[in-house]
């Protein structure tokens, strides 16, 4: 399979991310910055052309047998403040099930449509400007630079914060039911875990959580380090497939080896 011209994958008429002088480019930056500041999320509807979605989903689903199976109970925190004397049901220590298959970077073909998007420099530059970074590089991690999460019937991604300050995702296929992304925008800050609000979120998500409409083909930029979020349990035979792009402000970045070891334990033997 050869490469496909990028305008057959990305709708560049709707999203001219390769044309900084275009009026629509400036509008996207203004809309995106406002959305990220106010709601921690900016989702570009139909960023991908609908005709490429089935092919991209099949390509990744076809790698499921090679992927890492992740299924464990974990708390929501990648970092947190000490809370001496906290009770057994303290929100910091509540456990949530995370279950899905993850296709790793080295398993995705070099000529895949997904990799063509990830390595397209105008998109990288647009995301850099959108996020306000002086420098912005694609990750060099052989495992997690470019990945996909595949969630089947009964799978879920429980409440958690991200270790990265911003996450970039492409939803390629939605399930028959369930698999809904929910989040609490900026529920914590760098100096305040706001455990009271987190406890209320965990007890009654329907009263607090936001459920944005994220459809297949959307490119979503999300500030998940301060916004607790989850994906509800998938229902039905059709899988939820989402691709994830990893970047860093420093060149040559890779992910924590402890996390890589956890992933490797889920690889088929």
Protein backbone atom coordinates (compact mmCIF):
# COMPACT_ATOMS: atom_id res chain seq x y z
CA UNK A 1 0.00 0.00 0.00
CA UNK A 2 1.40 3.38 -0.95
CA UNK A 3 0.85 6.69 0.74
CA UNK A 4 -2.43 8.55 0.35
CA UNK A 5 -2.46 12.28 -0.32
CA UNK A 6 -3.26 14.00 2.95
CA UNK A 7 -6.27 15.88 1.58
CA UNK A 8 -7.95 12.53 0.95
CA UNK A 9 -7.63 11.77 4.68
CA UNK A 10 -8.13 15.16 6.35
CA UNK A 11 -10.87 17.55 5.23
CA UNK A 12 -8.59 20.49 4.47
CA UNK A 13 -11.46 22.52 3.06
CA UNK A 14 -13.12 22.50 6.47
CA UNK A 15 -9.84 22.56 8.43
CA UNK A 16 -7.04 24.30 6.47
CA UNK A 17 -4.43 23.54 9.13
CA UNK A 18 -1.68 23.73 6.49
CA UNK A 19 -2.48 27.36 5.55
CA UNK A 20 -1.54 29.79 8.35
CA UNK A 21 -2.57 32.79 6.24
CA UNK A 22 -6.10 31.47 5.76
CA UNK A 23 -8.89 33.24 7.65
CA UNK A 24 -10.34 29.90 8.76
CA UNK A 25 -6.95 28.92 10.24
CA UNK A 26 -7.02 31.98 12.49
CA UNK A 27 -10.64 31.27 13.42
CA UNK A 28 -9.77 27.71 14.43
CA UNK A 29 -6.97 28.93 16.67
CA UNK A 30 -9.26 31.46 18.35
CA UNK A 31 -12.08 28.92 18.80
CA UNK A 32 -9.71 26.24 20.04
CA UNK A 33 -7.94 28.44 22.58
CA UNK A 34 -11.24 29.72 23.95
CA UNK A 35 -12.64 26.19 24.25
CA UNK A 36 -9.52 24.87 25.98
CA UNK A 37 -9.50 27.77 28.42
CA UNK A 38 -13.19 27.47 29.24
CA UNK A 39 -13.96 23.75 28.99
CA UNK A 40 -10.54 22.01 28.71
CA UNK A 41 -11.60 20.42 25.41
CA UNK A 42 -11.62 21.36 21.73
CA UNK A 43 -13.06 18.83 19.29
CA UNK A 44 -12.94 19.38 15.53
CA UNK A 45 -15.97 17.65 13.99
CA UNK A 46 -15.37 15.59 10.83
CA UNK A 47 -11.68 16.41 10.79
CA UNK A 48 -11.16 13.13 8.93
CA UNK A 49 -13.06 12.40 5.76
CA UNK A 50 -15.79 9.84 6.54
CA UNK A 51 -14.81 7.51 3.71
CA UNK A 52 -11.41 6.75 5.30
CA UNK A 53 -12.77 5.84 8.74
CA UNK A 54 -13.78 2.22 8.02
CA UNK A 55 -10.38 1.49 6.52
CA UNK A 56 -8.52 3.03 9.46
CA UNK A 57 -10.68 1.18 11.98
CA UNK A 58 -10.21 -2.16 10.18
CA UNK A 59 -6.48 -1.60 10.01
CA UNK A 60 -6.21 -1.16 13.78
CA UNK A 61 -8.76 -3.83 14.69
CA UNK A 62 -6.74 -6.23 12.55
CA UNK A 63 -3.84 -5.70 14.96
CA UNK A 64 -5.88 -6.58 18.06
CA UNK A 65 -4.38 -10.05 18.31
CA UNK A 66 -0.92 -8.47 18.69
CA UNK A 67 -1.98 -5.73 21.09
CA UNK A 68 -1.45 -5.28 24.80
CA UNK A 69 -4.40 -6.28 26.98
CA UNK A 70 -4.83 -3.91 29.90
CA UNK A 71 -7.36 -4.89 32.56
CA UNK A 72 -6.84 -3.77 36.14
CA UNK A 73 -8.21 -1.71 38.99
CA UNK A 74 -6.39 1.56 39.61
CA UNK A 75 -6.92 4.88 41.31
CA UNK A 76 -7.45 8.04 39.32
CA UNK A 77 -4.18 9.74 40.14
CA UNK A 78 -0.91 10.01 38.26
CA UNK A 79 0.29 12.41 40.94
CA UNK A 80 -1.33 13.67 44.09
CA UNK A 81 -0.75 15.43 47.36
CA UNK A 82 -0.33 13.59 50.64
CA UNK A 83 -3.56 13.38 52.62
CA UNK A 84 -2.63 12.11 56.10
CA UNK A 85 -5.37 10.32 57.97
CA UNK A 86 -7.64 9.94 54.99
CA UNK A 87 -10.47 7.44 55.30
CA UNK A 88 -10.74 4.15 53.45
CA UNK A 89 -13.27 5.63 51.02
CA UNK A 90 -11.23 8.78 50.32
CA UNK A 91 -11.53 9.71 46.60
CA UNK A 92 -7.77 9.48 46.16
CA UNK A 93 -7.86 5.77 46.96
CA UNK A 94 -11.04 4.76 45.18
CA UNK A 95 -10.34 2.14 42.52
CA UNK A 96 -11.74 2.19 39.00
CA UNK A 97 -11.59 -0.53 36.35
CA UNK A 98 -9.59 0.16 33.20
CA UNK A 99 -9.97 -2.49 30.50
CA UNK A 100 -9.06 -2.27 26.81
CA UNK A 101 -6.59 -3.47 24.21
CA UNK A 102 -3.82 -1.08 23.21
CA UNK A 103 -2.07 -1.27 19.85
CA UNK A 104 1.48 0.01 20.31
CA UNK A 105 3.48 2.32 18.08
CA UNK A 106 5.85 -0.31 16.70
CA UNK A 107 2.88 -2.50 15.73
CA UNK A 108 1.31 0.14 13.45
CA UNK A 109 2.56 -0.10 9.83
CA UNK A 110 4.76 2.72 8.60
CA UNK A 111 2.50 3.30 5.58
CA UNK A 112 -0.76 3.33 7.56
CA UNK A 113 -3.13 6.27 7.16
CA UNK A 114 -2.87 6.93 10.89
CA UNK A 115 0.91 7.29 10.76
CA UNK A 116 0.63 9.59 7.74
CA UNK A 117 -1.56 11.92 9.81
CA UNK A 118 0.74 11.79 12.84
CA UNK A 119 3.85 12.58 10.79
CA UNK A 120 2.28 15.35 8.76
CA UNK A 121 4.25 18.37 9.92
CA UNK A 122 1.61 21.07 9.22
CA UNK A 123 -0.69 19.37 11.74
CA UNK A 124 2.08 19.19 14.34
CA UNK A 125 2.77 22.88 13.82
CA UNK A 126 -0.93 23.80 14.08
CA UNK A 127 -1.24 21.91 17.37
CA UNK A 128 1.90 23.61 18.69
CA UNK A 129 0.47 27.05 17.99
CA UNK A 130 -2.95 26.09 19.33
CA UNK A 131 -1.45 24.97 22.64
CA UNK A 132 0.89 27.95 22.85
CA UNK A 133 4.13 25.97 23.02
CA UNK A 134 7.43 27.39 21.84
CA UNK A 135 8.67 23.94 20.89
CA UNK A 136 6.71 20.80 20.03
CA UNK A 137 8.04 17.43 18.91
CA UNK A 138 6.52 14.07 18.10
CA UNK A 139 7.46 11.52 20.74
CA UNK A 140 10.23 9.02 19.97
CA UNK A 141 8.71 6.35 22.20
CA UNK A 142 8.59 3.04 20.29
CA UNK A 143 5.59 1.98 22.36
CA UNK A 144 3.40 5.03 22.98
CA UNK A 145 4.27 7.76 20.47
CA UNK A 146 1.38 6.62 18.30
CA UNK A 147 -1.14 4.18 19.76
CA UNK A 148 -4.76 3.08 19.58
CA UNK A 149 -7.11 1.91 22.31
CA UNK A 150 -9.63 -0.74 21.26
CA UNK A 151 -12.50 -1.36 23.68
CA UNK A 152 -14.91 -4.24 23.20
CA UNK A 153 -18.10 -5.28 24.94
CA UNK A 154 -17.73 -4.73 28.70
CA UNK A 155 -14.50 -2.71 28.42
CA UNK A 156 -14.16 0.67 30.08
CA UNK A 157 -11.57 3.31 30.93
CA UNK A 158 -12.30 4.28 34.53
CA UNK A 159 -11.98 7.69 36.15
CA UNK A 160 -8.45 9.08 35.87
CA UNK A 161 -6.23 12.06 35.16
CA UNK A 162 -3.66 12.07 32.36
CA UNK A 163 0.07 12.31 32.96
CA UNK A 164 0.39 14.62 29.93
CA UNK A 165 -1.00 18.14 30.20
CA UNK A 166 -2.70 17.80 26.79
CA UNK A 167 -3.93 14.67 24.97
CA UNK A 168 -4.63 14.49 21.23
CA UNK A 169 -7.04 11.82 19.99
CA UNK A 170 -8.89 10.69 16.88
CA UNK A 171 -12.09 8.70 17.35
CA UNK A 172 -12.22 6.23 14.47
CA UNK A 173 -15.16 4.02 15.44
CA UNK A 174 -17.96 4.33 17.99
CA UNK A 175 -19.61 1.33 19.66
CA UNK A 176 -23.24 0.35 19.33
CA UNK A 177 -23.91 1.72 22.83
CA UNK A 178 -21.94 2.99 25.80
CA UNK A 179 -18.34 4.06 25.39
CA UNK A 180 -19.28 7.65 26.29
CA UNK A 181 -16.52 10.10 27.18
CA UNK A 182 -17.32 12.00 30.39
CA UNK A 183 -15.22 14.57 32.22
CA UNK A 184 -15.15 17.28 34.86
CA UNK A 185 -13.40 20.37 33.41
CA UNK A 186 -10.58 21.66 35.59
CA UNK A 187 -11.92 19.96 38.69
CA UNK A 188 -8.48 20.30 40.27
CA UNK A 189 -5.56 22.70 40.00
CA UNK A 190 -1.83 22.36 40.37
CA UNK A 191 -2.16 23.43 44.00
CA UNK A 192 -5.56 22.06 45.06
CA UNK A 193 -6.81 18.50 44.49
CA UNK A 194 -10.34 19.65 45.38
CA UNK A 195 -11.20 16.27 46.87
CA UNK A 196 -14.69 17.38 47.94
CA UNK A 197 -15.69 18.03 44.34
CA UNK A 198 -14.04 14.79 43.20
CA UNK A 199 -16.00 12.85 45.81
CA UNK A 200 -19.24 14.38 44.51
CA UNK A 201 -18.25 13.49 40.93
CA UNK A 202 -17.58 9.87 41.83
CA UNK A 203 -20.82 9.56 43.79
CA UNK A 204 -23.06 11.24 41.19
CA UNK A 205 -21.39 11.66 37.78
CA UNK A 206 -24.67 12.65 36.17
CA UNK A 207 -24.84 15.82 38.24
CA UNK A 208 -21.34 17.06 37.43
CA UNK A 209 -19.79 15.35 34.40
CA UNK A 210 -19.85 16.90 30.93
CA UNK A 211 -20.55 14.60 27.96
CA UNK A 212 -19.31 16.27 24.79
CA UNK A 213 -20.51 15.00 21.42
CA UNK A 214 -17.45 13.32 19.98
CA UNK A 215 -18.21 11.47 16.77
CA UNK A 216 -16.00 9.27 14.60
CA UNK A 217 -13.69 11.46 12.55
CA UNK A 218 -13.26 14.11 15.26
CA UNK A 219 -9.80 15.29 16.26
CA UNK A 220 -9.98 16.17 19.96
CA UNK A 221 -7.53 18.21 22.01
CA UNK A 222 -8.08 17.70 25.74
CA UNK A 223 -6.43 19.03 28.89
CA UNK A 224 -6.77 15.89 30.94
CA UNK A 225 -4.17 16.45 33.63
CA UNK A 226 -6.51 18.70 35.62
CA UNK A 227 -9.83 17.33 34.33
CA UNK A 228 -10.86 13.94 35.69
CA UNK A 229 -12.43 11.80 32.97
CA UNK A 230 -13.53 8.33 31.94
CA UNK A 231 -15.05 6.29 29.11
CA UNK A 232 -18.16 4.41 30.19
CA UNK A 233 -18.56 0.69 29.58
CA UNK A 234 -18.83 -0.32 25.93
CA UNK A 235 -21.92 -2.32 24.99
CA UNK A 236 -22.38 -4.47 21.91
CA UNK A 237 -20.27 -6.19 19.29
CA UNK A 238 -18.90 -3.08 17.58
CA UNK A 239 -15.70 -1.87 19.22
CA UNK A 240 -14.75 1.63 20.25
CA UNK A 241 -11.48 2.54 18.51
CA UNK A 242 -9.57 5.71 19.33
CA UNK A 243 -6.07 6.71 18.21
CA UNK A 244 -3.74 8.75 20.42
CA UNK A 245 -0.88 11.06 19.36
CA UNK A 246 1.95 11.83 21.79
CA UNK A 247 4.10 14.97 21.66
CA UNK A 248 6.59 16.67 23.94
CA UNK A 249 8.18 20.08 24.23
CA UNK A 250 11.58 18.38 24.26
CA UNK A 251 12.99 16.26 21.43
CA UNK A 252 13.62 12.54 21.83
CA UNK A 253 10.98 12.00 24.52
CA UNK A 254 9.92 8.51 25.65
CA UNK A 255 7.53 7.26 28.32
CA UNK A 256 8.28 6.06 31.82
CA UNK A 257 9.81 2.58 31.78
CA UNK A 258 7.58 1.43 34.64
CA UNK A 259 4.53 2.06 32.46
CA UNK A 260 6.16 0.32 29.50
CA UNK A 261 6.78 -2.73 31.69
CA UNK A 262 3.12 -2.73 32.72
CA UNK A 263 2.12 -2.68 29.07
CA UNK A 264 4.52 -5.44 28.10
CA UNK A 265 2.92 -7.76 30.67
CA UNK A 266 -0.28 -7.57 28.63
CA UNK A 267 1.29 -8.54 25.31
CA UNK A 268 0.33 -11.97 23.94
CA UNK A 269 2.94 -14.62 24.66
